[in-house]
N, C-alpha and C. Protein backbone atom coordinates (compact mmCIF):
# COMPACT_ATOMS: atom_id res chain seq x y z
N UNK A 1 49.52 218.00 249.72
CA UNK A 1 50.40 217.46 248.86
C UNK A 1 51.02 216.34 249.48
N UNK A 2 50.87 215.97 250.65
CA UNK A 2 51.31 214.77 251.68
C UNK A 2 50.27 213.92 251.00
N UNK A 3 48.96 213.76 250.93
CA UNK A 3 48.37 213.13 250.74
C UNK A 3 48.25 212.20 249.21
N UNK A 4 48.55 213.19 248.18
CA UNK A 4 48.89 212.43 247.08
C UNK A 4 50.18 211.80 246.90
N UNK A 5 51.09 212.34 247.57
CA UNK A 5 52.22 211.43 247.58
C UNK A 5 52.20 210.10 248.39
N UNK A 6 51.11 210.02 249.22
CA UNK A 6 51.14 209.18 249.93
C UNK A 6 50.32 208.03 249.14
N UNK A 7 49.57 208.51 248.41
CA UNK A 7 48.45 207.71 247.63
C UNK A 7 49.25 207.27 246.37
N UNK A 8 50.21 207.82 245.86
CA UNK A 8 50.90 207.36 244.92
C UNK A 8 51.94 206.41 245.19
N UNK A 9 52.74 206.59 246.31
CA UNK A 9 53.56 205.60 246.86
C UNK A 9 52.75 204.41 247.05
N UNK A 10 51.60 204.11 247.72
CA UNK A 10 51.05 203.11 248.03
C UNK A 10 50.31 202.48 246.67
N UNK A 11 50.19 203.25 245.65
CA UNK A 11 49.54 202.68 244.34
C UNK A 11 51.06 202.19 243.65
N UNK A 12 51.98 202.69 243.75
CA UNK A 12 53.50 202.37 243.34
C UNK A 12 53.90 200.86 243.76
N UNK A 13 53.56 200.96 245.10
CA UNK A 13 54.27 199.66 246.15
C UNK A 13 53.37 198.61 245.74
N UNK A 14 52.08 198.75 245.42
CA UNK A 14 51.04 197.73 245.10
C UNK A 14 51.61 197.11 243.52
N UNK A 15 51.91 198.07 242.49
CA UNK A 15 51.88 197.62 241.31
C UNK A 15 52.94 196.57 241.10
N UNK A 16 54.24 196.52 241.68
CA UNK A 16 55.24 195.41 241.65
C UNK A 16 54.58 194.07 242.62
N UNK A 17 53.90 193.96 243.24
CA UNK A 17 53.43 192.69 243.73
C UNK A 17 52.15 192.10 242.74
N UNK A 18 51.48 193.07 242.42
CA UNK A 18 50.50 192.44 241.34
C UNK A 18 51.47 192.02 239.88
N UNK A 19 52.32 192.56 239.38
CA UNK A 19 53.03 192.17 238.46
C UNK A 19 53.62 191.06 238.29
N UNK A 20 54.40 190.83 239.83
CA UNK A 20 55.04 189.45 240.31
C UNK A 20 54.07 188.34 240.17
N UNK A 21 52.89 188.25 240.73
CA UNK A 21 51.82 187.48 240.77
C UNK A 21 51.03 186.92 239.38
N UNK A 22 51.66 187.76 238.58
CA UNK A 22 50.84 187.70 237.12
C UNK A 22 52.16 186.82 236.70
N UNK A 23 53.26 186.75 237.22
CA UNK A 23 54.27 185.78 236.36
C UNK A 23 54.45 184.39 237.00
N UNK A 24 54.11 184.31 238.26
CA UNK A 24 54.24 183.12 238.95
C UNK A 24 54.21 181.80 238.31
N UNK A 25 53.58 181.75 237.21
CA UNK A 25 53.29 180.50 236.62
C UNK A 25 54.51 180.38 235.40
N UNK A 26 54.90 181.43 234.89
CA UNK A 26 56.07 181.51 233.87
C UNK A 26 57.11 181.05 234.78
N UNK A 27 57.81 181.36 235.89
CA UNK A 27 58.77 180.86 236.72
C UNK A 27 58.69 179.48 236.81
N UNK A 28 57.74 178.90 237.11
CA UNK A 28 57.49 177.54 237.39
C UNK A 28 57.79 176.56 236.07
N UNK A 29 56.87 177.29 235.05
CA UNK A 29 57.22 176.76 233.82
C UNK A 29 58.76 176.72 233.19
N UNK A 30 59.27 177.83 233.28
CA UNK A 30 60.78 177.84 233.00
C UNK A 30 61.54 177.18 233.92
N UNK A 31 61.36 176.83 235.26
CA UNK A 31 61.92 175.68 235.66
C UNK A 31 61.73 174.22 235.57
N UNK A 32 60.64 174.19 235.37
CA UNK A 32 60.33 172.80 234.87
C UNK A 32 60.98 172.21 233.29
N UNK A 33 61.39 173.25 232.43
CA UNK A 33 61.84 173.07 231.39
C UNK A 33 63.45 172.97 231.89
N UNK A 34 64.11 173.71 232.41
CA UNK A 34 65.61 173.70 233.08
C UNK A 34 65.76 172.74 234.02
N UNK A 35 65.25 171.86 234.57
CA UNK A 35 65.58 171.15 235.69
C UNK A 35 66.12 169.75 235.42
N UNK A 36 65.07 169.18 234.26
CA UNK A 36 65.97 168.15 233.81
C UNK A 36 67.58 167.92 233.18
N UNK A 37 67.60 169.14 232.69
CA UNK A 37 68.70 169.41 231.99
C UNK A 37 69.80 169.62 233.34
N UNK A 38 69.50 170.37 234.33
CA UNK A 38 70.62 170.62 235.56
C UNK A 38 70.69 169.30 236.36
N UNK A 39 69.50 168.27 236.54
CA UNK A 39 69.65 167.00 236.75
C UNK A 39 70.75 166.24 235.94
N UNK A 40 70.51 166.19 234.79
CA UNK A 40 71.45 165.48 233.73
C UNK A 40 73.09 166.12 234.04
N UNK A 41 73.08 167.17 234.33
CA UNK A 41 74.40 167.56 234.59
C UNK A 41 74.85 167.36 235.82
N UNK A 42 74.22 167.31 236.56
CA UNK A 42 75.03 166.85 237.93
C UNK A 42 75.21 165.36 238.03
N UNK A 43 74.29 164.61 237.49
CA UNK A 43 74.40 162.91 237.89
C UNK A 43 75.62 162.82 236.87
N UNK A 44 75.96 163.63 235.39
CA UNK A 44 77.41 163.13 234.77
C UNK A 44 78.65 163.86 235.61
N UNK A 45 78.28 165.10 236.35
CA UNK A 45 79.54 165.15 237.02
C UNK A 45 79.95 164.40 238.02
N UNK A 46 78.88 163.79 238.70
CA UNK A 46 79.20 162.81 239.74
C UNK A 46 79.67 161.69 239.53
N UNK A 47 79.23 161.00 238.22
CA UNK A 47 79.88 159.89 237.60
C UNK A 47 81.02 160.30 237.08
N UNK A 48 81.34 161.16 236.68
CA UNK A 48 82.81 161.62 235.81
C UNK A 48 83.86 161.46 237.17
N UNK A 49 83.33 162.28 238.28
CA UNK A 49 84.08 162.33 239.39
C UNK A 49 84.66 161.12 240.08
N UNK A 50 83.38 160.19 240.09
CA UNK A 50 83.64 158.83 240.73
C UNK A 50 84.67 158.10 239.81
N UNK A 51 84.62 158.00 238.49
CA UNK A 51 85.44 157.12 237.88
C UNK A 51 87.00 157.93 237.59
N UNK A 52 87.19 159.23 237.86
CA UNK A 52 88.47 159.82 238.28
C UNK A 52 88.95 159.28 239.67
N UNK A 53 88.29 159.17 240.54
CA UNK A 53 88.40 158.92 241.71
C UNK A 53 88.85 157.30 241.87
N UNK A 54 88.07 156.51 241.11
CA UNK A 54 88.19 154.96 241.29
C UNK A 54 89.49 154.90 240.23
N UNK A 55 89.82 155.49 239.31
CA UNK A 55 91.10 155.38 238.48
C UNK A 55 92.39 155.58 239.73
N UNK A 56 92.28 156.69 240.01
CA UNK A 56 93.11 157.08 241.14
C UNK A 56 93.46 156.08 242.35
N UNK A 57 92.52 155.19 242.56
CA UNK A 57 92.31 154.18 243.46
C UNK A 57 93.16 153.15 242.86
N UNK A 58 92.56 152.95 241.70
CA UNK A 58 93.37 151.49 241.13
C UNK A 58 94.80 152.01 240.96
N UNK A 59 95.41 153.32 240.58
CA UNK A 59 96.75 153.67 240.25
C UNK A 59 97.44 153.29 241.84
N UNK A 60 96.96 153.73 243.00
CA UNK A 60 97.43 153.65 244.22
C UNK A 60 97.29 151.97 244.60
N UNK A 61 96.34 151.23 244.30
CA UNK A 61 96.60 149.87 244.77
C UNK A 61 97.68 149.15 244.13
N UNK A 62 97.44 149.17 242.75
CA UNK A 62 98.93 148.47 242.31
C UNK A 62 100.49 149.14 242.90
N UNK A 63 100.54 150.66 243.33
CA UNK A 63 101.38 151.03 244.10
C UNK A 63 101.74 150.35 245.41
N UNK A 64 100.64 150.24 246.05
CA UNK A 64 100.66 149.56 247.35
C UNK A 64 101.05 147.97 247.09
N UNK A 65 100.60 147.22 246.13
CA UNK A 65 101.06 145.99 245.88
C UNK A 65 102.58 145.91 245.75
N UNK A 66 102.79 146.75 244.71
CA UNK A 66 104.47 146.63 244.58
C UNK A 66 105.41 147.26 245.84
N UNK A 67 104.87 148.05 246.75
CA UNK A 67 105.70 148.19 247.70
C UNK A 67 105.53 146.99 248.81
N UNK A 68 104.47 146.39 248.97
CA UNK A 68 104.27 145.13 249.63
C UNK A 68 105.33 144.18 249.04
N UNK A 69 105.33 143.92 247.81
CA UNK A 69 106.50 143.22 247.21
C UNK A 69 108.09 143.35 247.92
N UNK A 70 108.26 144.50 247.62
CA UNK A 70 109.35 145.13 247.97
C UNK A 70 109.57 144.90 249.36
N UNK A 71 108.89 145.03 250.36
CA UNK A 71 109.02 144.93 251.97
C UNK A 71 109.15 143.57 252.11
N UNK A 72 108.63 142.66 251.37
CA UNK A 72 108.30 141.13 251.98
C UNK A 72 109.81 140.43 250.91
N UNK A 73 109.88 140.67 249.64
CA UNK A 73 111.01 140.25 249.08
C UNK A 73 112.17 140.58 249.06
N UNK A 74 112.72 142.02 249.12
CA UNK A 74 113.82 142.59 248.87
C UNK A 74 115.12 142.37 249.48
N UNK A 75 114.79 141.66 250.79
CA UNK A 75 116.02 140.84 251.43
C UNK A 75 116.26 139.34 251.27
N UNK A 76 115.43 138.89 250.48
CA UNK A 76 115.37 137.19 250.18
C UNK A 76 116.35 137.32 248.60
N UNK A 77 116.78 136.04 248.68
CA UNK A 77 117.78 135.74 247.45
C UNK A 77 116.58 135.95 246.18
N UNK A 78 117.02 136.64 245.22
CA UNK A 78 116.07 137.07 244.08
C UNK A 78 116.49 136.11 242.90
N UNK A 79 115.82 136.10 242.17
CA UNK A 79 114.55 136.38 241.47
C UNK A 79 113.30 136.06 242.75
N UNK A 80 112.43 136.92 242.92
CA UNK A 80 111.77 137.00 244.15
C UNK A 80 110.37 136.17 243.74
N UNK A 81 109.99 136.14 242.66
CA UNK A 81 108.91 135.40 242.16
C UNK A 81 109.08 133.49 242.78
N UNK A 82 110.09 133.25 242.08
CA UNK A 82 110.19 131.70 242.81
C UNK A 82 110.51 131.82 244.43
N UNK A 83 111.60 132.76 244.74
CA UNK A 83 112.19 132.62 246.20
C UNK A 83 111.33 133.11 247.47
N UNK A 84 110.33 133.78 247.28
CA UNK A 84 109.72 134.44 248.15
C UNK A 84 108.35 134.10 248.59
N UNK A 85 107.95 133.22 249.40
CA UNK A 85 106.95 132.43 249.65
C UNK A 85 105.80 133.61 249.94
N UNK A 86 104.73 133.03 249.80
CA UNK A 86 103.50 134.22 249.96
C UNK A 86 103.35 135.37 249.40
N UNK A 87 104.31 135.46 248.05
CA UNK A 87 104.13 136.72 247.43
C UNK A 87 102.55 137.33 247.08
N UNK A 88 102.14 136.28 246.39
CA UNK A 88 100.82 136.49 245.38
C UNK A 88 100.11 137.17 246.79
N UNK A 89 99.91 136.34 247.91
CA UNK A 89 99.09 136.65 249.05
C UNK A 89 99.06 137.91 249.32
N UNK A 90 100.90 138.41 249.69
CA UNK A 90 100.87 139.57 250.38
C UNK A 90 100.45 140.60 249.58
N UNK A 91 100.56 140.27 248.22
CA UNK A 91 100.54 141.56 247.21
C UNK A 91 98.91 142.07 246.85
N UNK A 92 98.19 140.75 246.92
CA UNK A 92 96.80 140.70 246.90
C UNK A 92 95.98 141.42 248.28
N UNK A 93 96.46 141.36 249.53
CA UNK A 93 95.96 141.74 250.91
C UNK A 93 96.46 143.19 250.37
N UNK A 94 97.66 143.76 250.10
CA UNK A 94 98.18 145.04 249.80
C UNK A 94 97.00 146.07 248.89
N UNK A 95 96.72 145.39 247.80
CA UNK A 95 96.16 146.13 246.88
C UNK A 95 94.71 146.14 247.40
N UNK A 96 94.01 145.00 248.09
CA UNK A 96 92.72 145.30 248.59
C UNK A 96 92.52 146.41 249.58
N UNK A 97 93.84 146.50 250.27
CA UNK A 97 93.58 147.60 251.68
C UNK A 97 93.23 149.07 251.10
N UNK A 98 93.23 149.25 249.79
CA UNK A 98 92.43 150.51 249.49
C UNK A 98 90.82 150.87 249.67
N UNK A 99 90.42 151.74 249.35
CA UNK A 99 88.90 152.13 249.46
C UNK A 99 88.18 151.15 248.63
N UNK A 100 88.63 150.68 247.40
CA UNK A 100 88.26 149.75 246.66
C UNK A 100 88.05 148.37 247.14
N UNK A 101 88.78 147.72 248.30
CA UNK A 101 88.58 146.50 249.14
C UNK A 101 88.41 145.51 247.79
N UNK A 102 87.98 144.68 248.06
CA UNK A 102 87.71 143.51 247.07
C UNK A 102 87.52 143.45 246.04
N UNK A 103 87.18 144.69 245.58
CA UNK A 103 86.63 145.03 244.03
C UNK A 103 87.86 144.98 242.88
N UNK A 104 89.07 145.45 243.56
CA UNK A 104 90.14 145.38 242.74
C UNK A 104 91.21 143.95 243.02
N UNK A 105 91.64 143.61 241.76
CA UNK A 105 92.21 142.11 241.72
C UNK A 105 93.65 142.33 241.12
N UNK A 106 94.44 141.10 241.24
CA UNK A 106 95.01 141.21 240.68
C UNK A 106 95.26 140.51 239.01
N UNK A 107 95.84 141.42 238.13
CA UNK A 107 95.66 140.97 236.49
C UNK A 107 96.32 139.40 236.38
N UNK A 108 95.74 138.87 235.38
CA UNK A 108 96.17 137.79 235.04
C UNK A 108 97.68 137.94 234.91
N UNK A 109 98.53 136.88 235.19
CA UNK A 109 100.27 136.92 234.89
C UNK A 109 100.55 137.79 235.95
N UNK A 110 100.16 138.73 236.73
CA UNK A 110 100.71 139.39 237.74
C UNK A 110 100.80 138.71 238.70
N UNK A 111 101.88 138.81 239.88
CA UNK A 111 103.08 139.63 239.17
C UNK A 111 103.96 139.28 238.49
N UNK A 112 105.02 140.03 237.84
CA UNK A 112 105.78 139.19 236.87
C UNK A 112 107.15 140.21 237.11
N UNK A 113 108.18 139.49 237.03
CA UNK A 113 109.36 139.81 237.11
C UNK A 113 110.11 139.85 236.02
N UNK A 114 111.13 141.09 235.70
CA UNK A 114 111.64 141.45 234.53
C UNK A 114 113.11 142.19 234.93
N UNK A 115 114.26 142.02 234.46
CA UNK A 115 115.39 142.87 234.62
C UNK A 115 115.76 143.88 233.54
N UNK A 116 115.96 145.32 234.06
CA UNK A 116 116.26 146.30 233.44
C UNK A 116 117.40 146.76 233.59
N UNK A 117 118.03 147.55 232.49
CA UNK A 117 119.05 148.13 232.84
C UNK A 117 118.69 149.91 232.34
N UNK A 118 119.40 150.80 233.06
CA UNK A 118 119.40 152.09 232.40
C UNK A 118 120.14 152.56 231.69
N UNK A 119 118.83 152.91 230.49
CA UNK A 119 119.35 153.46 229.16
C UNK A 119 119.35 154.93 229.16
N UNK A 120 120.32 155.63 229.36
CA UNK A 120 119.64 157.19 229.15
C UNK A 120 118.79 157.40 230.39
N UNK A 121 117.82 157.96 229.95
CA UNK A 121 117.04 158.54 231.02
C UNK A 121 115.46 157.46 231.10
N UNK A 122 115.85 156.33 230.25
CA UNK A 122 114.84 155.25 230.31
C UNK A 122 115.25 153.98 230.74
N UNK A 123 114.52 152.99 231.19
CA UNK A 123 114.59 151.43 231.50
C UNK A 123 114.89 150.47 230.28
N UNK A 124 115.65 149.87 230.10
CA UNK A 124 115.68 148.95 228.70
C UNK A 124 115.59 147.39 229.24
N UNK A 125 114.58 146.61 228.80
CA UNK A 125 114.34 145.37 229.48
C UNK A 125 115.29 144.52 228.68
N UNK A 126 116.18 143.69 229.49
CA UNK A 126 117.35 142.94 229.09
C UNK A 126 116.99 141.48 229.48
N UNK A 127 115.94 141.12 230.12
CA UNK A 127 115.69 139.58 230.07
C UNK A 127 114.51 139.49 231.29
N UNK A 128 113.95 138.39 231.30
CA UNK A 128 112.84 137.97 232.29
C UNK A 128 113.28 137.08 233.51
N UNK A 129 112.32 136.61 234.50
CA UNK A 129 112.72 135.47 235.30
C UNK A 129 113.08 134.54 234.55
N UNK A 130 112.49 134.14 233.58
CA UNK A 130 112.58 132.42 232.46
C UNK A 130 113.79 132.68 232.16
N UNK A 131 114.28 133.84 231.55
CA UNK A 131 115.50 134.02 230.69
C UNK A 131 116.21 135.03 231.01
N UNK A 132 116.92 135.10 232.21
CA UNK A 132 117.77 136.19 232.44
C UNK A 132 118.66 136.46 231.25
N UNK A 133 119.53 137.62 231.67
CA UNK A 133 120.33 137.95 230.33
C UNK A 133 121.42 137.30 230.49
N UNK A 134 122.25 137.05 229.41
CA UNK A 134 123.42 136.31 229.38
C UNK A 134 124.48 136.86 228.59
N UNK A 135 125.28 137.33 229.04
CA UNK A 135 125.75 137.46 230.20
C UNK A 135 125.21 138.31 231.02
N UNK A 136 125.22 137.95 232.42
CA UNK A 136 124.37 138.83 233.24
C UNK A 136 124.82 140.35 233.71
N UNK A 137 124.69 140.99 232.27
CA UNK A 137 125.20 142.41 232.85
C UNK A 137 124.41 143.27 231.70
N UNK A 138 124.85 144.83 231.75
CA UNK A 138 123.75 145.51 230.97
C UNK A 138 124.60 145.75 229.61
N UNK A 139 125.37 144.96 229.08
CA UNK A 139 125.97 144.92 227.72
C UNK A 139 124.89 145.17 226.76
N UNK A 140 123.61 144.84 226.89
CA UNK A 140 122.89 145.00 225.72
C UNK A 140 122.37 146.68 225.88
N UNK A 141 122.47 147.14 226.96
CA UNK A 141 122.07 148.56 226.96
C UNK A 141 123.29 149.14 227.01
N UNK A 142 124.63 148.87 226.49
CA UNK A 142 125.59 149.51 226.23
C UNK A 142 126.43 150.03 227.54
N UNK A 143 126.28 149.14 228.66
CA UNK A 143 127.15 149.39 229.51
C UNK A 143 127.44 147.98 230.59
N UNK A 144 128.52 147.27 229.94
CA UNK A 144 128.50 145.94 230.00
C UNK A 144 129.13 146.01 231.55
N UNK A 145 129.42 147.25 232.50
CA UNK A 145 130.06 147.02 233.92
C UNK A 145 128.97 147.02 234.88
N UNK A 146 127.90 147.02 234.21
CA UNK A 146 126.41 147.29 235.27
C UNK A 146 125.86 145.96 235.20
N UNK A 147 125.02 145.70 236.64
CA UNK A 147 124.46 144.41 236.64
C UNK A 147 123.01 145.32 236.77
N UNK A 148 121.93 143.84 235.94
CA UNK A 148 120.70 144.67 235.56
C UNK A 148 119.91 144.62 237.02
N UNK A 149 119.33 145.61 237.14
CA UNK A 149 118.33 145.61 238.36
C UNK A 149 116.85 144.52 237.93
N UNK A 150 116.74 144.06 239.32
CA UNK A 150 115.37 143.11 239.07
C UNK A 150 114.21 143.89 239.45
N UNK A 151 113.04 143.80 238.58
CA UNK A 151 112.09 144.96 238.95
C UNK A 151 110.71 143.84 238.91
N UNK A 152 109.89 144.14 239.99
CA UNK A 152 108.65 143.54 239.79
C UNK A 152 107.50 144.46 239.62
N UNK A 153 106.52 144.02 238.61
CA UNK A 153 105.53 144.58 238.02
C UNK A 153 104.19 144.01 238.87
N UNK A 154 103.62 145.11 239.16
CA UNK A 154 102.22 144.67 239.79
C UNK A 154 101.09 145.17 238.72
N UNK A 155 100.52 144.38 238.51
CA UNK A 155 98.94 144.72 237.38
C UNK A 155 97.96 144.39 237.84
N UNK A 156 97.09 145.79 237.94
CA UNK A 156 95.71 145.46 238.78
C UNK A 156 94.48 145.54 238.10
N UNK A 157 93.38 145.10 238.03
CA UNK A 157 91.87 145.86 237.42
C UNK A 157 91.05 145.87 238.42
N UNK A 158 90.07 146.44 237.88
CA UNK A 158 88.87 147.08 239.03
C UNK A 158 87.86 147.04 237.80
N UNK A 159 86.64 146.71 237.80
CA UNK A 159 85.31 146.56 237.33
C UNK A 159 84.52 148.06 237.91
N UNK A 160 84.42 148.86 237.04
CA UNK A 160 83.79 150.45 237.36
C UNK A 160 82.19 150.20 237.08
N UNK A 161 81.45 150.54 237.54
CA UNK A 161 80.06 150.72 236.79
C UNK A 161 79.55 152.07 237.71
N UNK A 162 79.10 152.86 236.78
CA UNK A 162 78.41 154.24 236.98
C UNK A 162 77.40 154.12 237.93
N UNK A 163 77.45 154.98 238.86
CA UNK A 163 76.14 154.92 239.80
C UNK A 163 74.82 155.41 239.00
N UNK A 164 74.95 156.11 238.21
CA UNK A 164 73.54 156.29 237.70
C UNK A 164 73.67 155.75 236.18
N UNK A 165 73.56 154.76 236.04
CA UNK A 165 73.35 153.76 234.32
C UNK A 165 72.46 154.41 233.83
N UNK A 166 72.49 154.77 232.58
CA UNK A 166 71.21 155.07 231.86
C UNK A 166 71.15 156.73 231.67
N UNK A 167 71.83 157.31 232.71
CA UNK A 167 71.39 158.90 232.54
C UNK A 167 72.98 159.16 232.54
N UNK A 168 73.97 158.63 232.45
CA UNK A 168 75.38 159.18 232.46
C UNK A 168 75.95 158.87 231.37
N UNK A 169 76.87 159.62 230.99
CA UNK A 169 77.81 159.41 229.79
C UNK A 169 78.72 158.29 230.05
N UNK A 170 78.95 158.19 231.12
CA UNK A 170 79.88 157.42 231.40
C UNK A 170 79.56 155.70 231.43
N UNK A 171 80.06 155.22 231.02
CA UNK A 171 79.90 153.67 230.59
C UNK A 171 80.50 152.72 231.78
N UNK A 172 79.86 151.58 231.95
CA UNK A 172 80.91 150.56 232.67
C UNK A 172 81.98 150.11 232.14
N UNK A 173 83.15 149.82 232.59
CA UNK A 173 84.53 149.54 231.93
C UNK A 173 85.53 148.96 233.33
N UNK A 174 86.37 148.15 232.79
CA UNK A 174 87.55 147.88 233.40
C UNK A 174 88.45 148.79 233.65
N UNK A 175 89.17 149.24 234.81
CA UNK A 175 90.34 150.20 235.01
C UNK A 175 91.37 149.32 235.07
N UNK A 176 92.41 149.61 234.77
CA UNK A 176 93.64 149.01 235.12
C UNK A 176 94.77 150.19 235.46
N UNK A 177 95.62 149.18 236.22
CA UNK A 177 96.94 150.02 236.48
C UNK A 177 97.90 149.24 237.02
N UNK A 178 99.26 149.76 236.71
CA UNK A 178 100.81 148.75 236.78
C UNK A 178 101.51 149.76 237.67
N UNK A 179 102.18 149.04 238.34
CA UNK A 179 103.56 149.38 239.12
C UNK A 179 104.62 148.81 238.96
N UNK A 180 105.81 149.43 239.09
CA UNK A 180 107.09 148.85 238.93
C UNK A 180 107.69 149.20 240.21
N UNK A 181 108.29 148.15 240.83
CA UNK A 181 109.52 148.52 241.78
C UNK A 181 110.73 147.48 241.57
N UNK A 182 111.98 148.31 241.88
CA UNK A 182 113.08 147.78 241.86
C UNK A 182 113.24 147.14 243.19
N UNK A 183 113.65 145.57 243.02
CA UNK A 183 113.99 144.64 244.54
C UNK A 183 115.34 144.66 244.78
């Protein structure tokens, strides 16, 4: 009985090896069919991740520019646009201090300065640097006893291009962001 069981176990053991060898070609064919789909999936995941990261960095650049404007100009005579020398240079240096570097730039017409009043839970524009509110109060927002706040807005742009052009669903585009800071 021991000889028969030994013989059977040997023949049973050799069967899976033989059947695996018969299917080796099928595995390669299945992988060859699935691999391009997996590569396209990974390529698109990478490009979507990069555009999300670059949009966050663009937002961060705008915030850095607005903070730099505040640090540089809040102690000077307002409005800051005409009374703060080197404002644009300071903002440009700040926005380019992120990982996007010199790829991010100030948008046309930025920085801009506007007077706002709080109206409930929102800000209501009551004038700009070129045409301040007259009288200089928040009567337009329903609160004549309050002085309007001087806000500076920094708008930035970044030209995004996907890593895998042609394979990716993400297309080249201009990312924009804005940030406001009360001076």
